[in-house]
Amino acid sequence: MTESASPRSTVPRMTVLGVQPGEPPYRLVEIGGELVGQAHSLADVLDIAHRAGLGRLDLDDPDDVRWVGGDKFTWFPGLWG
């Protein structure tokens, strides 16, 4: 099997978990499997990445960020199922 035909098995640098209800709603953020913060917006995700020393992230690259329970535009519970 060639490398291009093999299934993706990389671990993303950051994982943004599904929206949690709250005032305001938030998403938990993990780096390296460790919970590192709460994000209330996309700007918060970038700030958490910067503070963790991740440098530039491509928010659309699954090798950089895994979005669970929605995408980078999902910030309210229940909108996408």
PDB file of N, CA and C in Angstrom:
ATOM      1  N   MET A   1       0.853  -1.166   0.000  1.00  0.00           N
ATOM      2  CA  MET A   1       0.000   0.000   0.000  1.00  0.00           C
ATOM      3  C   MET A   1       0.902   1.234   0.000  1.00  0.00           C
ATOM      4  N   THR A   2       0.551   2.179  -0.826  1.00  0.00           N
ATOM      5  CA  THR A   2       1.331   3.415  -0.873  1.00  0.00           C
ATOM      6  C   THR A   2       0.886   4.349   0.238  1.00  0.00           C
ATOM      7  N   GLU A   3       1.728   5.306   0.536  1.00  0.00           N
ATOM      8  CA  GLU A   3       1.401   6.254   1.599  1.00  0.00           C
ATOM      9  C   GLU A   3       0.113   7.006   1.303  1.00  0.00           C
ATOM     10  N   SER A   4      -0.087   7.404   0.057  1.00  0.00           N
ATOM     11  CA  SER A   4      -1.289   8.166  -0.288  1.00  0.00           C
ATOM     12  C   SER A   4      -2.555   7.320  -0.184  1.00  0.00           C
ATOM     13  N   ALA A   5      -2.427   5.999  -0.256  1.00  0.00           N
ATOM     14  CA  ALA A   5      -3.597   5.131  -0.168  1.00  0.00           C
ATOM     15  C   ALA A   5      -3.877   4.695   1.267  1.00  0.00           C
ATOM     16  N   SER A   6      -2.967   4.946   2.187  1.00  0.00           N
ATOM     17  CA  SER A   6      -3.167   4.510   3.564  1.00  0.00           C
ATOM     18  C   SER A   6      -4.136   5.452   4.278  1.00  0.00           C
ATOM     19  N   PRO A   7      -4.882   4.914   5.252  1.00  0.00           N
ATOM     20  CA  PRO A   7      -5.826   5.782   5.981  1.00  0.00           C
ATOM     21  C   PRO A   7      -5.091   6.822   6.815  1.00  0.00           C
ATOM     22  N   ARG A   8      -5.746   7.943   7.033  1.00  0.00           N
ATOM     23  CA  ARG A   8      -5.163   9.032   7.825  1.00  0.00           C
ATOM     24  C   ARG A   8      -5.041   8.568   9.273  1.00  0.00           C
ATOM     25  N   SER A   9      -3.866   8.706   9.840  1.00  0.00           N
ATOM     26  CA  SER A   9      -3.664   8.264  11.218  1.00  0.00           C
ATOM     27  C   SER A   9      -2.912   9.307  12.036  1.00  0.00           C
ATOM     28  N   THR A  10      -2.921  10.542  11.602  1.00  0.00           N
ATOM     29  CA  THR A  10      -2.221  11.578  12.347  1.00  0.00           C
ATOM     30  C   THR A  10      -3.086  12.095  13.484  1.00  0.00           C
ATOM     31  N   VAL A  11      -2.446  12.584  14.509  1.00  0.00           N
ATOM     32  CA  VAL A  11      -3.133  13.184  15.644  1.00  0.00           C
ATOM     33  C   VAL A  11      -3.076  14.695  15.454  1.00  0.00           C
ATOM     34  N   PRO A  12      -4.234  15.360  15.493  1.00  0.00           N
ATOM     35  CA  PRO A  12      -4.210  16.821  15.312  1.00  0.00           C
ATOM     36  C   PRO A  12      -3.489  17.505  16.459  1.00  0.00           C
ATOM     37  N   ARG A  13      -2.965  18.675  16.174  1.00  0.00           N
ATOM     38  CA  ARG A  13      -2.263  19.451  17.197  1.00  0.00           C
ATOM     39  C   ARG A  13      -3.229  19.951  18.265  1.00  0.00           C
ATOM     40  N   MET A  14      -4.477  20.217  17.877  1.00  0.00           N
ATOM     41  CA  MET A  14      -5.479  20.760  18.798  1.00  0.00           C
ATOM     42  C   MET A  14      -6.827  20.121  18.487  1.00  0.00           C
ATOM     43  N   THR A  15      -7.616  19.864  19.545  1.00  0.00           N
ATOM     44  CA  THR A  15      -8.979  19.372  19.377  1.00  0.00           C
ATOM     45  C   THR A  15      -9.918  20.347  20.057  1.00  0.00           C
ATOM     46  N   VAL A  16     -10.955  20.753  19.326  1.00  0.00           N
ATOM     47  CA  VAL A  16     -11.983  21.634  19.877  1.00  0.00           C
ATOM     48  C   VAL A  16     -13.246  20.797  19.999  1.00  0.00           C
ATOM     49  N   LEU A  17     -13.668  20.559  21.236  1.00  0.00           N
ATOM     50  CA  LEU A  17     -14.803  19.689  21.508  1.00  0.00           C
ATOM     51  C   LEU A  17     -16.126  20.405  21.271  1.00  0.00           C
ATOM     52  N   GLY A  18     -17.213  19.632  21.319  1.00  0.00           N
ATOM     53  CA  GLY A  18     -18.542  20.163  21.026  1.00  0.00           C
ATOM     54  C   GLY A  18     -18.978  21.277  21.966  1.00  0.00           C
ATOM     55  N   VAL A  19     -19.969  22.013  21.525  1.00  0.00           N
ATOM     56  CA  VAL A  19     -20.484  23.167  22.273  1.00  0.00           C
ATOM     57  C   VAL A  19     -21.143  22.698  23.566  1.00  0.00           C
ATOM     58  N   GLN A  20     -20.793  23.372  24.658  1.00  0.00           N
ATOM     59  CA  GLN A  20     -21.382  23.133  25.968  1.00  0.00           C
ATOM     60  C   GLN A  20     -22.339  24.272  26.286  1.00  0.00           C
ATOM     61  N   PRO A  21     -23.515  23.939  26.838  1.00  0.00           N
ATOM     62  CA  PRO A  21     -24.443  25.015  27.179  1.00  0.00           C
ATOM     63  C   PRO A  21     -23.886  25.861  28.314  1.00  0.00           C
ATOM     64  N   GLY A  22     -24.135  27.120  28.250  1.00  0.00           N
ATOM     65  CA  GLY A  22     -23.682  28.047  29.277  1.00  0.00           C
ATOM     66  C   GLY A  22     -24.043  29.450  28.857  1.00  0.00           C
ATOM     67  N   GLU A  23     -23.744  30.380  29.675  1.00  0.00           N
ATOM     68  CA  GLU A  23     -23.991  31.796  29.357  1.00  0.00           C
ATOM     69  C   GLU A  23     -22.665  32.541  29.386  1.00  0.00           C
ATOM     70  N   PRO A  24     -21.990  32.684  28.281  1.00  0.00           N
ATOM     71  CA  PRO A  24     -22.338  32.186  26.941  1.00  0.00           C
ATOM     72  C   PRO A  24     -21.882  30.739  26.754  1.00  0.00           C
ATOM     73  N   PRO A  25     -22.400  30.077  25.697  1.00  0.00           N
ATOM     74  CA  PRO A  25     -21.950  28.715  25.394  1.00  0.00           C
ATOM     75  C   PRO A  25     -20.436  28.716  25.125  1.00  0.00           C
ATOM     76  N   TYR A  26     -19.808  27.554  25.293  1.00  0.00           N
ATOM     77  CA  TYR A  26     -18.366  27.464  25.104  1.00  0.00           C
ATOM     78  C   TYR A  26     -17.997  26.095  24.555  1.00  0.00           C
ATOM     79  N   ARG A  27     -16.759  25.983  24.095  1.00  0.00           N
ATOM     80  CA  ARG A  27     -16.211  24.704  23.633  1.00  0.00           C
ATOM     81  C   ARG A  27     -14.906  24.465  24.388  1.00  0.00           C
ATOM     82  N   LEU A  28     -14.715  23.241  24.861  1.00  0.00           N
ATOM     83  CA  LEU A  28     -13.483  22.875  25.531  1.00  0.00           C
ATOM     84  C   LEU A  28     -12.405  22.627  24.486  1.00  0.00           C
ATOM     85  N   VAL A  29     -11.172  22.968  24.825  1.00  0.00           N
ATOM     86  CA  VAL A  29     -10.049  22.843  23.902  1.00  0.00           C
ATOM     87  C   VAL A  29      -8.996  21.937  24.534  1.00  0.00           C
ATOM     88  N   GLU A  30      -8.524  20.975  23.735  1.00  0.00           N
ATOM     89  CA  GLU A  30      -7.472  20.064  24.170  1.00  0.00           C
ATOM     90  C   GLU A  30      -6.255  20.218  23.276  1.00  0.00           C
ATOM     91  N   ILE A  31      -5.092  20.099  23.881  1.00  0.00           N
ATOM     92  CA  ILE A  31      -3.837  20.040  23.139  1.00  0.00           C
ATOM     93  C   ILE A  31      -3.089  18.828  23.676  1.00  0.00           C
ATOM     94  N   GLY A  32      -2.714  17.934  22.783  1.00  0.00           N
ATOM     95  CA  GLY A  32      -2.015  16.725  23.212  1.00  0.00           C
ATOM     96  C   GLY A  32      -2.833  15.867  24.155  1.00  0.00           C
ATOM     97  N   GLY A  33      -4.167  15.881  24.003  1.00  0.00           N
ATOM     98  CA  GLY A  33      -5.046  15.110  24.860  1.00  0.00           C
ATOM     99  C   GLY A  33      -5.291  15.721  26.227  1.00  0.00           C
ATOM    100  N   GLU A  34      -4.715  16.893  26.482  1.00  0.00           N
ATOM    101  CA  GLU A  34      -4.875  17.562  27.766  1.00  0.00           C
ATOM    102  C   GLU A  34      -5.799  18.766  27.615  1.00  0.00           C
ATOM    103  N   LEU A  35      -6.762  18.872  28.506  1.00  0.00           N
ATOM    104  CA  LEU A  35      -7.673  20.016  28.505  1.00  0.00           C
ATOM    105  C   LEU A  35      -6.895  21.268  28.861  1.00  0.00           C
ATOM    106  N   VAL A  36      -6.954  22.270  27.973  1.00  0.00           N
ATOM    107  CA  VAL A  36      -6.162  23.489  28.196  1.00  0.00           C
ATOM    108  C   VAL A  36      -7.004  24.754  28.315  1.00  0.00           C
ATOM    109  N   GLY A  37      -8.299  24.684  28.031  1.00  0.00           N
ATOM    110  CA  GLY A  37      -9.090  25.889  28.172  1.00  0.00           C
ATOM    111  C   GLY A  37     -10.481  25.790  27.600  1.00  0.00           C
ATOM    112  N   GLN A  38     -11.198  26.893  27.760  1.00  0.00           N
ATOM    113  CA  GLN A  38     -12.541  27.060  27.208  1.00  0.00           C
ATOM    114  C   GLN A  38     -12.493  28.156  26.164  1.00  0.00           C
ATOM    115  N   ALA A  39     -13.168  27.918  25.055  1.00  0.00           N
ATOM    116  CA  ALA A  39     -13.257  28.926  24.000  1.00  0.00           C
ATOM    117  C   ALA A  39     -14.717  29.318  23.827  1.00  0.00           C
ATOM    118  N   HIS A  40     -14.948  30.621  23.802  1.00  0.00           N
ATOM    119  CA  HIS A  40     -16.289  31.155  23.554  1.00  0.00           C
ATOM    120  C   HIS A  40     -16.421  31.644  22.119  1.00  0.00           C
ATOM    121  N   SER A  41     -15.293  31.633  21.390  1.00  0.00           N
ATOM    122  CA  SER A  41     -15.291  32.126  20.015  1.00  0.00           C
ATOM    123  C   SER A  41     -14.061  31.594  19.292  1.00  0.00           C
ATOM    124  N   LEU A  42     -14.036  31.800  18.005  1.00  0.00           N
ATOM    125  CA  LEU A  42     -12.881  31.415  17.199  1.00  0.00           C
ATOM    126  C   LEU A  42     -11.635  32.173  17.641  1.00  0.00           C
ATOM    127  N   ALA A  43     -11.802  33.420  18.040  1.00  0.00           N
ATOM    128  CA  ALA A  43     -10.671  34.206  18.535  1.00  0.00           C
ATOM    129  C   ALA A  43     -10.064  33.561  19.777  1.00  0.00           C
ATOM    130  N   ASP A  44     -10.905  32.996  20.644  1.00  0.00           N
ATOM    131  CA  ASP A  44     -10.400  32.307  21.830  1.00  0.00           C
ATOM    132  C   ASP A  44      -9.567  31.076  21.452  1.00  0.00           C
ATOM    133  N   VAL A  45     -10.005  30.338  20.433  1.00  0.00           N
ATOM    134  CA  VAL A  45      -9.248  29.173  19.972  1.00  0.00           C
ATOM    135  C   VAL A  45      -7.855  29.605  19.531  1.00  0.00           C
ATOM    136  N   LEU A  46      -7.791  30.666  18.758  1.00  0.00           N
ATOM    137  CA  LEU A  46      -6.494  31.164  18.290  1.00  0.00           C
ATOM    138  C   LEU A  46      -5.633  31.651  19.448  1.00  0.00           C
ATOM    139  N   ASP A  47      -6.249  32.300  20.424  1.00  0.00           N
ATOM    140  CA  ASP A  47      -5.511  32.780  21.590  1.00  0.00           C
ATOM    141  C   ASP A  47      -4.950  31.607  22.400  1.00  0.00           C
ATOM    142  N   ILE A  48      -5.746  30.576  22.608  1.00  0.00           N
ATOM    143  CA  ILE A  48      -5.287  29.391  23.336  1.00  0.00           C
ATOM    144  C   ILE A  48      -4.118  28.746  22.594  1.00  0.00           C
ATOM    145  N   ALA A  49      -4.217  28.634  21.280  1.00  0.00           N
ATOM    146  CA  ALA A  49      -3.132  28.054  20.481  1.00  0.00           C
ATOM    147  C   ALA A  49      -1.867  28.888  20.611  1.00  0.00           C
ATOM    148  N   HIS A  50      -2.012  30.193  20.561  1.00  0.00           N
ATOM    149  CA  HIS A  50      -0.857  31.091  20.679  1.00  0.00           C
ATOM    150  C   HIS A  50      -0.191  30.953  22.048  1.00  0.00           C
ATOM    151  N   ARG A  51      -1.004  30.965  23.115  1.00  0.00           N
ATOM    152  CA  ARG A  51      -0.465  30.845  24.466  1.00  0.00           C
ATOM    153  C   ARG A  51       0.218  29.494  24.689  1.00  0.00           C
ATOM    154  N   ALA A  52      -0.239  28.459  23.967  1.00  0.00           N
ATOM    155  CA  ALA A  52       0.358  27.123  24.101  1.00  0.00           C
ATOM    156  C   ALA A  52       1.603  26.958  23.235  1.00  0.00           C
ATOM    157  N   GLY A  53       1.911  27.992  22.445  1.00  0.00           N
ATOM    158  CA  GLY A  53       3.105  27.931  21.610  1.00  0.00           C
ATOM    159  C   GLY A  53       2.946  27.153  20.333  1.00  0.00           C
ATOM    160  N   LEU A  54       1.708  26.993  19.871  1.00  0.00           N
ATOM    161  CA  LEU A  54       1.480  26.225  18.644  1.00  0.00           C
ATOM    162  C   LEU A  54       1.794  27.007  17.377  1.00  0.00           C
ATOM    163  N   GLY A  55       1.955  28.301  17.481  1.00  0.00           N
ATOM    164  CA  GLY A  55       2.217  29.093  16.287  1.00  0.00           C
ATOM    165  C   GLY A  55       0.981  29.179  15.417  1.00  0.00           C
ATOM    166  N   ARG A  56       1.210  29.318  14.130  1.00  0.00           N
ATOM    167  CA  ARG A  56       0.079  29.443  13.199  1.00  0.00           C
ATOM    168  C   ARG A  56      -0.608  28.109  13.010  1.00  0.00           C
ATOM    169  N   LEU A  57      -1.916  28.150  13.046  1.00  0.00           N
ATOM    170  CA  LEU A  57      -2.728  26.967  12.783  1.00  0.00           C
ATOM    171  C   LEU A  57      -3.568  27.222  11.547  1.00  0.00           C
ATOM    172  N   ASP A  58      -3.729  26.200  10.743  1.00  0.00           N
ATOM    173  CA  ASP A  58      -4.700  26.249   9.652  1.00  0.00           C
ATOM    174  C   ASP A  58      -5.972  25.636  10.210  1.00  0.00           C
ATOM    175  N   LEU A  59      -6.947  26.460  10.509  1.00  0.00           N
ATOM    176  CA  LEU A  59      -8.169  25.995  11.160  1.00  0.00           C
ATOM    177  C   LEU A  59      -8.975  25.033  10.303  1.00  0.00           C
ATOM    178  N   ASP A  60      -8.653  24.945   9.013  1.00  0.00           N
ATOM    179  CA  ASP A  60      -9.346  24.031   8.114  1.00  0.00           C
ATOM    180  C   ASP A  60      -8.555  22.754   7.846  1.00  0.00           C
ATOM    181  N   ASP A  61      -7.373  22.635   8.408  1.00  0.00           N
ATOM    182  CA  ASP A  61      -6.519  21.467   8.193  1.00  0.00           C
ATOM    183  C   ASP A  61      -6.718  20.480   9.343  1.00  0.00           C
ATOM    184  N   PRO A  62      -7.249  19.278   9.061  1.00  0.00           N
ATOM    185  CA  PRO A  62      -7.489  18.312  10.137  1.00  0.00           C
ATOM    186  C   PRO A  62      -6.207  17.843  10.826  1.00  0.00           C
ATOM    187  N   ASP A  63      -5.041  18.082  10.244  1.00  0.00           N
ATOM    188  CA  ASP A  63      -3.786  17.776  10.937  1.00  0.00           C
ATOM    189  C   ASP A  63      -3.485  18.815  12.011  1.00  0.00           C
ATOM    190  N   ASP A  64      -4.053  19.998  11.887  1.00  0.00           N
ATOM    191  CA  ASP A  64      -3.866  21.069  12.872  1.00  0.00           C
ATOM    192  C   ASP A  64      -4.977  21.071  13.915  1.00  0.00           C
ATOM    193  N   VAL A  65      -6.237  21.063  13.463  1.00  0.00           N
ATOM    194  CA  VAL A  65      -7.373  21.193  14.381  1.00  0.00           C
ATOM    195  C   VAL A  65      -8.439  20.172  14.031  1.00  0.00           C
ATOM    196  N   ARG A  66      -8.898  19.445  15.045  1.00  0.00           N
ATOM    197  CA  ARG A  66     -10.050  18.554  14.885  1.00  0.00           C
ATOM    198  C   ARG A  66     -11.228  19.228  15.564  1.00  0.00           C
ATOM    199  N   TRP A  67     -12.292  19.444  14.799  1.00  0.00           N
ATOM    200  CA  TRP A  67     -13.511  20.065  15.315  1.00  0.00           C
ATOM    201  C   TRP A  67     -14.511  18.957  15.604  1.00  0.00           C
ATOM    202  N   VAL A  68     -14.946  18.836  16.845  1.00  0.00           N
ATOM    203  CA  VAL A  68     -15.896  17.805  17.259  1.00  0.00           C
ATOM    204  C   VAL A  68     -17.249  18.462  17.488  1.00  0.00           C
ATOM    205  N   GLY A  69     -18.302  17.880  16.930  1.00  0.00           N
ATOM    206  CA  GLY A  69     -19.641  18.406  17.168  1.00  0.00           C
ATOM    207  C   GLY A  69     -19.930  19.701  16.454  1.00  0.00           C
ATOM    208  N   GLY A  70     -19.374  19.860  15.277  1.00  0.00           N
ATOM    209  CA  GLY A  70     -19.579  21.068  14.491  1.00  0.00           C
ATOM    210  C   GLY A  70     -18.254  21.548  13.938  1.00  0.00           C
ATOM    211  N   ASP A  71     -18.291  22.667  13.267  1.00  0.00           N
ATOM    212  CA  ASP A  71     -17.066  23.195  12.663  1.00  0.00           C
ATOM    213  C   ASP A  71     -16.667  24.494  13.363  1.00  0.00           C
ATOM    214  N   LYS A  72     -15.765  25.220  12.752  1.00  0.00           N
ATOM    215  CA  LYS A  72     -15.261  26.447  13.378  1.00  0.00           C
ATOM    216  C   LYS A  72     -16.319  27.549  13.495  1.00  0.00           C
ATOM    217  N   PHE A  73     -17.452  27.365  12.842  1.00  0.00           N
ATOM    218  CA  PHE A  73     -18.521  28.356  12.920  1.00  0.00           C
ATOM    219  C   PHE A  73     -19.630  27.950  13.893  1.00  0.00           C
ATOM    220  N   THR A  74     -19.486  26.815  14.566  1.00  0.00           N
ATOM    221  CA  THR A  74     -20.513  26.293  15.466  1.00  0.00           C
ATOM    222  C   THR A  74     -20.189  26.734  16.895  1.00  0.00           C
ATOM    223  N   TRP A  75     -20.973  27.678  17.401  1.00  0.00           N
ATOM    224  CA  TRP A  75     -20.724  28.204  18.746  1.00  0.00           C
ATOM    225  C   TRP A  75     -21.972  28.226  19.627  1.00  0.00           C
ATOM    226  N   PHE A  76     -23.047  27.629  19.172  1.00  0.00           N
ATOM    227  CA  PHE A  76     -24.278  27.559  19.962  1.00  0.00           C
ATOM    228  C   PHE A  76     -24.770  26.124  19.951  1.00  0.00           C
ATOM    229  N   PRO A  77     -25.260  25.594  21.093  1.00  0.00           N
ATOM    230  CA  PRO A  77     -25.698  24.195  21.151  1.00  0.00           C
ATOM    231  C   PRO A  77     -26.955  23.947  20.331  1.00  0.00           C
ATOM    232  N   GLY A  78     -27.027  22.755  19.755  1.00  0.00           N
ATOM    233  CA  GLY A  78     -28.240  22.309  19.101  1.00  0.00           C
ATOM    234  C   GLY A  78     -28.488  22.801  17.688  1.00  0.00           C
ATOM    235  N   LEU A  79     -27.589  23.611  17.123  1.00  0.00           N
ATOM    236  CA  LEU A  79     -27.865  24.154  15.792  1.00  0.00           C
ATOM    237  C   LEU A  79     -27.643  23.116  14.687  1.00  0.00           C
ATOM    238  N   TRP A  80     -26.771  22.142  14.936  1.00  0.00           N
ATOM    239  CA  TRP A  80     -26.427  21.198  13.862  1.00  0.00           C
ATOM    240  C   TRP A  80     -26.749  19.763  14.265  1.00  0.00           C
ATOM    241  N   GLY A  81     -27.751  19.583  15.048  1.00  0.00           N
ATOM    242  CA  GLY A  81     -28.167  18.222  15.374  1.00  0.00           C
ATOM    243  C   GLY A  81     -27.848  17.865  16.757  1.00  0.00           C
TER     244      GLY A  81
END
